């Protein structure tokens, strides 16, 4: 019962703090910031994807000789 009352009090406190700090305006600012961050991440992901494709084209050989040696030993 004590935890429930504590949760209700904390919820009410968060509710009032939400409105005190601007309510919808604060959420809007947060959303705009997250949108900008998302756009930057998309650019980084595309750059990484392109570089990975270039590396895959450049290296047709297996990078490790140890893999083929261990496979021969196991057979």
PDB file of N, CA and C in Angstrom:
ATOM      1  N   UNK A   1       0.827  -1.190   0.000  1.00  0.00           N
ATOM      2  CA  UNK A   1       0.000   0.000   0.000  1.00  0.00           C
ATOM      3  C   UNK A   1       0.871   1.253   0.000  1.00  0.00           C
ATOM      4  N   UNK A   2       1.983   1.175   0.705  1.00  0.00           N
ATOM      5  CA  UNK A   2       2.890   2.312   0.786  1.00  0.00           C
ATOM      6  C   UNK A   2       3.532   2.613  -0.557  1.00  0.00           C
ATOM      7  N   UNK A   3       3.893   1.582  -1.267  1.00  0.00           N
ATOM      8  CA  UNK A   3       4.501   1.785  -2.585  1.00  0.00           C
ATOM      9  C   UNK A   3       3.495   2.402  -3.554  1.00  0.00           C
ATOM     10  N   UNK A   4       2.251   1.960  -3.443  1.00  0.00           N
ATOM     11  CA  UNK A   4       1.216   2.506  -4.319  1.00  0.00           C
ATOM     12  C   UNK A   4       1.041   4.004  -4.074  1.00  0.00           C
ATOM     13  N   UNK A   5       0.948   4.406  -2.806  1.00  0.00           N
ATOM     14  CA  UNK A   5       0.799   5.830  -2.483  1.00  0.00           C
ATOM     15  C   UNK A   5       2.019   6.624  -2.924  1.00  0.00           C
ATOM     16  N   UNK A   6       3.189   6.054  -2.743  1.00  0.00           N
ATOM     17  CA  UNK A   6       4.410   6.719  -3.191  1.00  0.00           C
ATOM     18  C   UNK A   6       4.382   6.910  -4.703  1.00  0.00           C
ATOM     19  N   UNK A   7       3.934   5.902  -5.444  1.00  0.00           N
ATOM     20  CA  UNK A   7       3.836   6.000  -6.905  1.00  0.00           C
ATOM     21  C   UNK A   7       2.847   7.061  -7.337  1.00  0.00           C
ATOM     22  N   UNK A   8       1.712   7.152  -6.633  1.00  0.00           N
ATOM     23  CA  UNK A   8       0.709   8.171  -6.956  1.00  0.00           C
ATOM     24  C   UNK A   8       1.271   9.559  -6.706  1.00  0.00           C
ATOM     25  N   UNK A   9       1.950   9.741  -5.594  1.00  0.00           N
ATOM     26  CA  UNK A   9       2.530  11.055  -5.270  1.00  0.00           C
ATOM     27  C   UNK A   9       3.592  11.438  -6.293  1.00  0.00           C
ATOM     28  N   UNK A  10       4.445  10.507  -6.668  1.00  0.00           N
ATOM     29  CA  UNK A  10       5.478  10.785  -7.674  1.00  0.00           C
ATOM     30  C   UNK A  10       4.824  11.116  -9.014  1.00  0.00           C
ATOM     31  N   UNK A  11       3.776  10.392  -9.373  1.00  0.00           N
ATOM     32  CA  UNK A  11       3.067  10.663 -10.631  1.00  0.00           C
ATOM     33  C   UNK A  11       2.468  12.057 -10.654  1.00  0.00           C
ATOM     34  N   UNK A  12       1.863  12.460  -9.556  1.00  0.00           N
ATOM     35  CA  UNK A  12       1.288  13.810  -9.468  1.00  0.00           C
ATOM     36  C   UNK A  12       2.385  14.859  -9.553  1.00  0.00           C
ATOM     37  N   UNK A  13       3.498  14.618  -8.880  1.00  0.00           N
ATOM     38  CA  UNK A  13       4.628  15.553  -8.926  1.00  0.00           C
ATOM     39  C   UNK A  13       5.158  15.689 -10.356  1.00  0.00           C
ATOM     40  N   UNK A  14       5.307  14.582 -11.067  1.00  0.00           N
ATOM     41  CA  UNK A  14       5.776  14.623 -12.461  1.00  0.00           C
ATOM     42  C   UNK A  14       4.780  15.384 -13.330  1.00  0.00           C
ATOM     43  N   UNK A  15       3.493  15.168 -13.095  1.00  0.00           N
ATOM     44  CA  UNK A  15       2.443  15.851 -13.846  1.00  0.00           C
ATOM     45  C   UNK A  15       2.555  17.370 -13.676  1.00  0.00           C
ATOM     46  N   UNK A  16       2.707  17.832 -12.443  1.00  0.00           N
ATOM     47  CA  UNK A  16       2.817  19.274 -12.200  1.00  0.00           C
ATOM     48  C   UNK A  16       4.120  19.849 -12.745  1.00  0.00           C
ATOM     49  N   UNK A  17       5.208  19.095 -12.642  1.00  0.00           N
ATOM     50  CA  UNK A  17       6.475  19.564 -13.209  1.00  0.00           C
ATOM     51  C   UNK A  17       6.390  19.668 -14.727  1.00  0.00           C
ATOM     52  N   UNK A  18       5.655  18.759 -15.346  1.00  0.00           N
ATOM     53  CA  UNK A  18       5.466  18.791 -16.789  1.00  0.00           C
ATOM     54  C   UNK A  18       4.820  20.107 -17.209  1.00  0.00           C
ATOM     55  N   UNK A  19       3.775  20.491 -16.525  1.00  0.00           N
ATOM     56  CA  UNK A  19       3.102  21.746 -16.865  1.00  0.00           C
ATOM     57  C   UNK A  19       3.919  22.962 -16.446  1.00  0.00           C
ATOM     58  N   UNK A  20       4.672  22.858 -15.367  1.00  0.00           N
ATOM     59  CA  UNK A  20       5.486  23.984 -14.906  1.00  0.00           C
ATOM     60  C   UNK A  20       6.574  24.317 -15.925  1.00  0.00           C
ATOM     61  N   UNK A  21       7.177  23.303 -16.536  1.00  0.00           N
ATOM     62  CA  UNK A  21       8.268  23.529 -17.484  1.00  0.00           C
ATOM     63  C   UNK A  21       7.796  23.703 -18.916  1.00  0.00           C
ATOM     64  N   UNK A  22       6.518  23.887 -19.131  1.00  0.00           N
ATOM     65  CA  UNK A  22       6.052  24.250 -20.456  1.00  0.00           C
ATOM     66  C   UNK A  22       5.128  23.251 -21.110  1.00  0.00           C
ATOM     67  N   UNK A  23       4.979  22.105 -20.566  1.00  0.00           N
ATOM     68  CA  UNK A  23       4.045  21.118 -21.104  1.00  0.00           C
ATOM     69  C   UNK A  23       4.309  20.772 -22.557  1.00  0.00           C
ATOM     70  N   UNK A  24       3.368  21.146 -23.419  1.00  0.00           N
ATOM     71  CA  UNK A  24       3.457  20.812 -24.840  1.00  0.00           C
ATOM     72  C   UNK A  24       4.652  21.441 -25.533  1.00  0.00           C
ATOM     73  N   UNK A  25       5.023  22.649 -25.099  1.00  0.00           N
ATOM     74  CA  UNK A  25       6.183  23.311 -25.714  1.00  0.00           C
ATOM     75  C   UNK A  25       7.458  22.508 -25.463  1.00  0.00           C
ATOM     76  N   UNK A  26       7.587  21.989 -24.246  1.00  0.00           N
ATOM     77  CA  UNK A  26       8.770  21.206 -23.913  1.00  0.00           C
ATOM     78  C   UNK A  26       8.818  19.927 -24.744  1.00  0.00           C
ATOM     79  N   UNK A  27       7.677  19.292 -24.910  1.00  0.00           N
ATOM     80  CA  UNK A  27       7.624  18.067 -25.715  1.00  0.00           C
ATOM     81  C   UNK A  27       7.946  18.385 -27.175  1.00  0.00           C
ATOM     82  N   UNK A  28       7.469  19.516 -27.658  1.00  0.00           N
ATOM     83  CA  UNK A  28       7.734  19.915 -29.042  1.00  0.00           C
ATOM     84  C   UNK A  28       9.232  20.141 -29.254  1.00  0.00           C
ATOM     85  N   UNK A  29       9.885  20.834 -28.309  1.00  0.00           N
ATOM     86  CA  UNK A  29      11.328  21.059 -28.418  1.00  0.00           C
ATOM     87  C   UNK A  29      12.085  19.736 -28.398  1.00  0.00           C
ATOM     88  N   UNK A  30      11.662  18.852 -27.512  1.00  0.00           N
ATOM     89  CA  UNK A  30      12.313  17.553 -27.422  1.00  0.00           C
ATOM     90  C   UNK A  30      12.141  16.782 -28.725  1.00  0.00           C
ATOM     91  N   UNK A  31      10.951  16.830 -29.293  1.00  0.00           N
ATOM     92  CA  UNK A  31      10.687  16.141 -30.554  1.00  0.00           C
ATOM     93  C   UNK A  31      11.518  16.689 -31.699  1.00  0.00           C
ATOM     94  N   UNK A  32      11.661  18.019 -31.759  1.00  0.00           N
ATOM     95  CA  UNK A  32      12.475  18.623 -32.816  1.00  0.00           C
ATOM     96  C   UNK A  32      13.931  18.199 -32.675  1.00  0.00           C
ATOM     97  N   UNK A  33      14.412  18.171 -31.437  1.00  0.00           N
ATOM     98  CA  UNK A  33      15.793  17.742 -31.207  1.00  0.00           C
ATOM     99  C   UNK A  33      16.011  16.297 -31.623  1.00  0.00           C
ATOM    100  N   UNK A  34      15.043  15.444 -31.298  1.00  0.00           N
ATOM    101  CA  UNK A  34      15.157  14.038 -31.681  1.00  0.00           C
ATOM    102  C   UNK A  34      15.078  13.857 -33.189  1.00  0.00           C
ATOM    103  N   UNK A  35      14.276  14.676 -33.857  1.00  0.00           N
ATOM    104  CA  UNK A  35      14.172  14.598 -35.321  1.00  0.00           C
ATOM    105  C   UNK A  35      15.504  14.965 -35.958  1.00  0.00           C
ATOM    106  N   UNK A  36      16.133  16.028 -35.454  1.00  0.00           N
ATOM    107  CA  UNK A  36      17.442  16.427 -35.986  1.00  0.00           C
ATOM    108  C   UNK A  36      18.482  15.335 -35.763  1.00  0.00           C
ATOM    109  N   UNK A  37      18.457  14.749 -34.582  1.00  0.00           N
ATOM    110  CA  UNK A  37      19.397  13.680 -34.279  1.00  0.00           C
ATOM    111  C   UNK A  37      19.157  12.479 -35.197  1.00  0.00           C
ATOM    112  N   UNK A  38      17.900  12.170 -35.456  1.00  0.00           N
ATOM    113  CA  UNK A  38      17.563  11.059 -36.352  1.00  0.00           C
ATOM    114  C   UNK A  38      18.077  11.288 -37.758  1.00  0.00           C
ATOM    115  N   UNK A  39      17.962  12.522 -38.240  1.00  0.00           N
ATOM    116  CA  UNK A  39      18.462  12.832 -39.582  1.00  0.00           C
ATOM    117  C   UNK A  39      19.974  12.664 -39.652  1.00  0.00           C
ATOM    118  N   UNK A  40      20.675  13.111 -38.619  1.00  0.00           N
ATOM    119  CA  UNK A  40      22.125  12.959 -38.590  1.00  0.00           C
ATOM    120  C   UNK A  40      22.515  11.487 -38.569  1.00  0.00           C
ATOM    121  N   UNK A  41      21.770  10.685 -37.811  1.00  0.00           N
ATOM    122  CA  UNK A  41      22.066   9.250 -37.751  1.00  0.00           C
ATOM    123  C   UNK A  41      21.825   8.574 -39.088  1.00  0.00           C
ATOM    124  N   UNK A  42      20.791   8.990 -39.817  1.00  0.00           N
ATOM    125  CA  UNK A  42      20.527   8.417 -41.137  1.00  0.00           C
ATOM    126  C   UNK A  42      21.688   8.693 -42.082  1.00  0.00           C
ATOM    127  N   UNK A  43      22.239   9.906 -42.024  1.00  0.00           N
ATOM    128  CA  UNK A  43      23.378  10.255 -42.876  1.00  0.00           C
ATOM    129  C   UNK A  43      24.580   9.381 -42.521  1.00  0.00           C
ATOM    130  N   UNK A  44      24.835   9.207 -41.220  1.00  0.00           N
ATOM    131  CA  UNK A  44      25.954   8.369 -40.794  1.00  0.00           C
ATOM    132  C   UNK A  44      25.758   6.920 -41.226  1.00  0.00           C
ATOM    133  N   UNK A  45      24.551   6.405 -41.094  1.00  0.00           N
ATOM    134  CA  UNK A  45      24.284   5.029 -41.503  1.00  0.00           C
ATOM    135  C   UNK A  45      24.509   4.843 -42.997  1.00  0.00           C
ATOM    136  N   UNK A  46      24.075   5.797 -43.791  1.00  0.00           N
ATOM    137  CA  UNK A  46      24.261   5.708 -45.241  1.00  0.00           C
ATOM    138  C   UNK A  46      25.751   5.753 -45.592  1.00  0.00           C
ATOM    139  N   UNK A  47      26.509   6.604 -44.920  1.00  0.00           N
ATOM    140  CA  UNK A  47      27.944   6.695 -45.157  1.00  0.00           C
ATOM    141  C   UNK A  47      28.624   5.376 -44.806  1.00  0.00           C
ATOM    142  N   UNK A  48      28.256   4.803 -43.683  1.00  0.00           N
ATOM    143  CA  UNK A  48      28.845   3.530 -43.262  1.00  0.00           C
ATOM    144  C   UNK A  48      28.481   2.434 -44.249  1.00  0.00           C
ATOM    145  N   UNK A  49      27.244   2.418 -44.713  1.00  0.00           N
ATOM    146  CA  UNK A  49      26.793   1.401 -45.665  1.00  0.00           C
ATOM    147  C   UNK A  49      27.591   1.498 -46.967  1.00  0.00           C
ATOM    148  N   UNK A  50      27.809   2.729 -47.461  1.00  0.00           N
ATOM    149  CA  UNK A  50      28.565   2.914 -48.711  1.00  0.00           C
ATOM    150  C   UNK A  50      30.009   2.468 -48.542  1.00  0.00           C
ATOM    151  N   UNK A  51      30.634   2.836 -47.420  1.00  0.00           N
ATOM    152  CA  UNK A  51      32.023   2.454 -47.186  1.00  0.00           C
ATOM    153  C   UNK A  51      32.157   0.942 -47.071  1.00  0.00           C
ATOM    154  N   UNK A  52      31.185   0.297 -46.440  1.00  0.00           N
ATOM    155  CA  UNK A  52      31.215  -1.157 -46.319  1.00  0.00           C
ATOM    156  C   UNK A  52      31.134  -1.815 -47.688  1.00  0.00           C
ATOM    157  N   UNK A  53      30.283  -1.288 -48.551  1.00  0.00           N
ATOM    158  CA  UNK A  53      30.164  -1.848 -49.901  1.00  0.00           C
ATOM    159  C   UNK A  53      31.460  -1.671 -50.675  1.00  0.00           C
ATOM    160  N   UNK A  54      32.117  -0.522 -50.526  1.00  0.00           N
ATOM    161  CA  UNK A  54      33.389  -0.293 -51.209  1.00  0.00           C
ATOM    162  C   UNK A  54      34.451  -1.254 -50.711  1.00  0.00           C
ATOM    163  N   UNK A  55      34.470  -1.502 -49.400  1.00  0.00           N
ATOM    164  CA  UNK A  55      35.441  -2.436 -48.849  1.00  0.00           C
ATOM    165  C   UNK A  55      35.168  -3.858 -49.331  1.00  0.00           C
ATOM    166  N   UNK A  56      33.898  -4.225 -49.421  1.00  0.00           N
ATOM    167  CA  UNK A  56      33.556  -5.559 -49.899  1.00  0.00           C
ATOM    168  C   UNK A  56      33.981  -5.746 -51.344  1.00  0.00           C
ATOM    169  N   UNK A  57      33.851  -4.721 -52.176  1.00  0.00           N
ATOM    170  CA  UNK A  57      34.269  -4.807 -53.573  1.00  0.00           C
ATOM    171  C   UNK A  57      35.784  -4.930 -53.677  1.00  0.00           C
ATOM    172  N   UNK A  58      36.509  -4.207 -52.821  1.00  0.00           N
ATOM    173  CA  UNK A  58      37.969  -4.185 -52.873  1.00  0.00           C
ATOM    174  C   UNK A  58      38.617  -5.454 -52.372  1.00  0.00           C
ATOM    175  N   UNK A  59      37.992  -6.145 -51.456  1.00  0.00           N
ATOM    176  CA  UNK A  59      38.621  -7.336 -50.884  1.00  0.00           C
ATOM    177  C   UNK A  59      37.815  -8.571 -51.257  1.00  0.00           C
ATOM    178  N   UNK A  60      38.287  -9.263 -52.266  1.00  0.00           N
ATOM    179  CA  UNK A  60      37.621 -10.495 -52.695  1.00  0.00           C
ATOM    180  C   UNK A  60      38.251 -11.709 -52.036  1.00  0.00           C
ATOM    181  N   UNK A  61      39.487 -11.552 -51.525  1.00  0.00           N
ATOM    182  CA  UNK A  61      40.154 -12.649 -50.847  1.00  0.00           C
ATOM    183  C   UNK A  61      39.659 -12.732 -49.418  1.00  0.00           C
ATOM    184  N   UNK A  62      39.825 -13.912 -48.826  1.00  0.00           N
ATOM    185  CA  UNK A  62      39.486 -14.061 -47.421  1.00  0.00           C
ATOM    186  C   UNK A  62      40.518 -13.309 -46.588  1.00  0.00           C
ATOM    187  N   UNK A  63      40.082 -12.564 -45.610  1.00  0.00           N
ATOM    188  CA  UNK A  63      41.027 -11.757 -44.842  1.00  0.00           C
ATOM    189  C   UNK A  63      41.938 -12.571 -43.940  1.00  0.00           C
ATOM    190  N   UNK A  64      41.529 -13.773 -43.536  1.00  0.00           N
ATOM    191  CA  UNK A  64      42.336 -14.555 -42.608  1.00  0.00           C
ATOM    192  C   UNK A  64      42.713 -15.895 -43.224  1.00  0.00           C
ATOM    193  N   UNK A  65      43.986 -16.195 -43.161  1.00  0.00           N
ATOM    194  CA  UNK A  65      44.439 -17.493 -43.645  1.00  0.00           C
ATOM    195  C   UNK A  65      44.163 -18.562 -42.591  1.00  0.00           C
ATOM    196  N   UNK A  66      44.037 -18.147 -41.355  1.00  0.00           N
ATOM    197  CA  UNK A  66      43.832 -19.084 -40.265  1.00  0.00           C
ATOM    198  C   UNK A  66      42.522 -19.844 -40.431  1.00  0.00           C
ATOM    199  N   UNK A  67      41.509 -19.239 -40.996  1.00  0.00           N
ATOM    200  CA  UNK A  67      40.219 -19.893 -41.159  1.00  0.00           C
ATOM    201  C   UNK A  67      40.355 -21.125 -42.045  1.00  0.00           C
ATOM    202  N   UNK A  68      41.066 -20.992 -43.173  1.00  0.00           N
ATOM    203  CA  UNK A  68      41.205 -22.123 -44.083  1.00  0.00           C
ATOM    204  C   UNK A  68      42.081 -23.203 -43.457  1.00  0.00           C
ATOM    205  N   UNK A  69      43.098 -22.820 -42.676  1.00  0.00           N
ATOM    206  CA  UNK A  69      43.957 -23.804 -42.034  1.00  0.00           C
ATOM    207  C   UNK A  69      43.199 -24.600 -40.992  1.00  0.00           C
ATOM    208  N   UNK A  70      42.359 -23.940 -40.222  1.00  0.00           N
ATOM    209  CA  UNK A  70      41.611 -24.656 -39.191  1.00  0.00           C
ATOM    210  C   UNK A  70      40.572 -25.568 -39.816  1.00  0.00           C
ATOM    211  N   UNK A  71      40.014 -25.182 -40.958  1.00  0.00           N
ATOM    212  CA  UNK A  71      39.050 -26.024 -41.636  1.00  0.00           C
ATOM    213  C   UNK A  71      39.736 -27.279 -42.196  1.00  0.00           C
ATOM    214  N   UNK A  72      40.947 -27.121 -42.727  1.00  0.00           N
ATOM    215  CA  UNK A  72      41.673 -28.273 -43.260  1.00  0.00           C
ATOM    216  C   UNK A  72      42.022 -29.242 -42.152  1.00  0.00           C
ATOM    217  N   UNK A  73      42.401 -28.742 -40.997  1.00  0.00           N
ATOM    218  CA  UNK A  73      42.764 -29.603 -39.882  1.00  0.00           C
ATOM    219  C   UNK A  73      41.572 -30.399 -39.379  1.00  0.00           C
ATOM    220  N   UNK A  74      40.402 -29.771 -39.367  1.00  0.00           N
ATOM    221  CA  UNK A  74      39.218 -30.454 -38.839  1.00  0.00           C
ATOM    222  C   UNK A  74      38.716 -31.536 -39.785  1.00  0.00           C
ATOM    223  N   UNK A  75      39.042 -31.442 -41.065  1.00  0.00           N
ATOM    224  CA  UNK A  75      38.579 -32.429 -42.042  1.00  0.00           C
ATOM    225  C   UNK A  75      39.493 -33.576 -42.008  1.00  0.00           C
TER     226      UNK A  75
END
